[in-house]
Every structure is written in structure tokens, then in C-alpha cells.
Amino acid sequence: MSQHLLVELELPEDLERFRLPRGVDDRLQVLLDRQDHGDTLTREEEVEAQGLVTLAELLSLLQLRTRRIWQVTYPPS
């Protein structure tokens, strides 16, 4: 059974802020690149990479939903 939670957020006008910080994104890219090149990640690295991917996806989803809400709430004139 899914649950719903309503959260009120003050959103910045600059939606680009809804992304991984550069250092965190760099770390994710290193892990993914190693994996793509056939290197075996440790269990800890796999967990770290999956957590970072999940966070990046969440931020992307938040960015997309915010854009959609803004388009409905503040349509272009």
C-alpha cells in the first residue's frame, strides 16, 4: 500500500540548484565509469553509487514537477 505525504517547500527560482553538488556528481561519475569499464566495485561502492543515483533521480523528479507546477500556476503571457 502506498502512502502519501504532503510537504510544503519554498522553491528557489533557479531550478538548476536541484542537482547533485559538483563533488558528489564527480564521485558518482567515477563509480559509474569504473563499472562501465568492467571494474568490479566493492559492496560499499555499489551501495554508495546506488544511493547517489537515487538522490540524483529524486532531484530530477523534483525539478520536473516544479517546472510543471510553475507552468500551470504562472503560464507564459
Protein backbone atom coordinates (compact mmCIF):
# COMPACT_ATOMS: atom_id res chain seq x y z
CA MET A 1 0.00 0.00 0.00
CA SER A 2 1.46 3.37 -0.97
CA GLN A 3 1.46 6.31 1.38
CA HIS A 4 1.23 9.97 0.56
CA LEU A 5 2.91 12.82 2.34
CA LEU A 6 2.23 16.46 1.59
CA VAL A 7 5.30 18.63 2.06
CA GLU A 8 5.39 22.37 1.59
CA LEU A 9 8.69 23.71 0.25
CA GLU A 10 9.95 27.15 -0.59
CA LEU A 11 11.36 26.65 -4.05
CA PRO A 12 14.25 28.65 -5.45
CA GLU A 13 13.70 30.36 -8.78
CA ASP A 14 16.89 28.75 -10.06
CA LEU A 15 15.87 25.13 -10.60
CA GLU A 16 19.44 24.23 -11.52
CA ARG A 17 20.08 24.14 -7.77
CA PHE A 18 18.12 20.87 -7.72
CA ARG A 19 21.09 18.75 -8.75
CA LEU A 20 23.92 16.94 -7.07
CA PRO A 21 26.75 19.19 -5.91
CA ARG A 22 29.72 19.03 -8.28
CA GLY A 23 31.94 16.95 -5.99
CA VAL A 24 29.17 14.43 -5.33
CA ASP A 25 28.33 14.21 -9.03
CA ASP A 26 32.03 13.73 -9.83
CA ARG A 27 32.21 10.84 -7.37
CA LEU A 28 29.15 9.23 -8.92
CA GLN A 29 30.65 9.57 -12.40
CA VAL A 30 33.90 7.94 -11.23
CA LEU A 31 31.99 4.98 -9.83
CA LEU A 32 29.79 4.62 -12.91
CA ASP A 33 32.75 4.96 -15.28
CA ARG A 34 34.65 2.25 -13.41
CA GLN A 35 31.62 0.00 -13.61
CA ASP A 36 31.18 0.73 -17.34
CA HIS A 37 34.81 -0.23 -17.95
CA GLY A 38 34.29 -3.60 -16.34
CA ASP A 39 35.87 -2.86 -12.96
CA THR A 40 34.24 -4.57 -10.02
CA LEU A 41 33.01 -2.16 -7.36
CA THR A 42 33.21 -3.12 -3.73
CA ARG A 43 29.91 -3.69 -1.96
CA GLU A 44 30.32 -0.31 -0.23
CA GLU A 45 30.93 1.40 -3.57
CA GLU A 46 27.88 -0.28 -5.09
CA VAL A 47 25.73 0.94 -2.19
CA GLU A 48 27.23 4.43 -2.49
CA ALA A 49 26.64 4.56 -6.25
CA GLN A 50 23.05 3.34 -5.91
CA GLY A 51 22.34 5.90 -3.20
CA LEU A 52 23.75 8.70 -5.34
CA VAL A 53 21.75 7.56 -8.37
CA THR A 54 18.59 7.50 -6.26
CA LEU A 55 19.31 11.00 -4.96
CA ALA A 56 20.01 12.32 -8.48
CA GLU A 57 16.74 10.81 -9.71
CA LEU A 58 14.83 12.37 -6.82
CA LEU A 59 16.30 15.79 -7.55
CA SER A 60 15.46 15.43 -11.26
CA LEU A 61 11.90 14.44 -10.43
CA LEU A 62 11.55 17.42 -8.09
CA GLN A 63 12.89 19.71 -10.82
CA LEU A 64 10.46 18.34 -13.42
CA ARG A 65 7.44 18.52 -11.13
CA THR A 66 8.33 22.05 -10.08
CA ARG A 67 8.56 23.15 -13.71
CA ARG A 68 5.16 21.62 -14.42
CA ILE A 69 3.59 23.34 -11.41
CA TRP A 70 5.10 26.67 -12.42
CA GLN A 71 3.78 26.30 -15.97
CA VAL A 72 0.27 25.75 -14.65
CA THR A 73 0.47 28.38 -11.90
CA TYR A 74 2.37 31.02 -13.87
CA PRO A 75 1.62 30.39 -17.56
CA PRO A 76 3.60 32.46 -20.07
CA SER A 77 1.79 35.62 -21.07
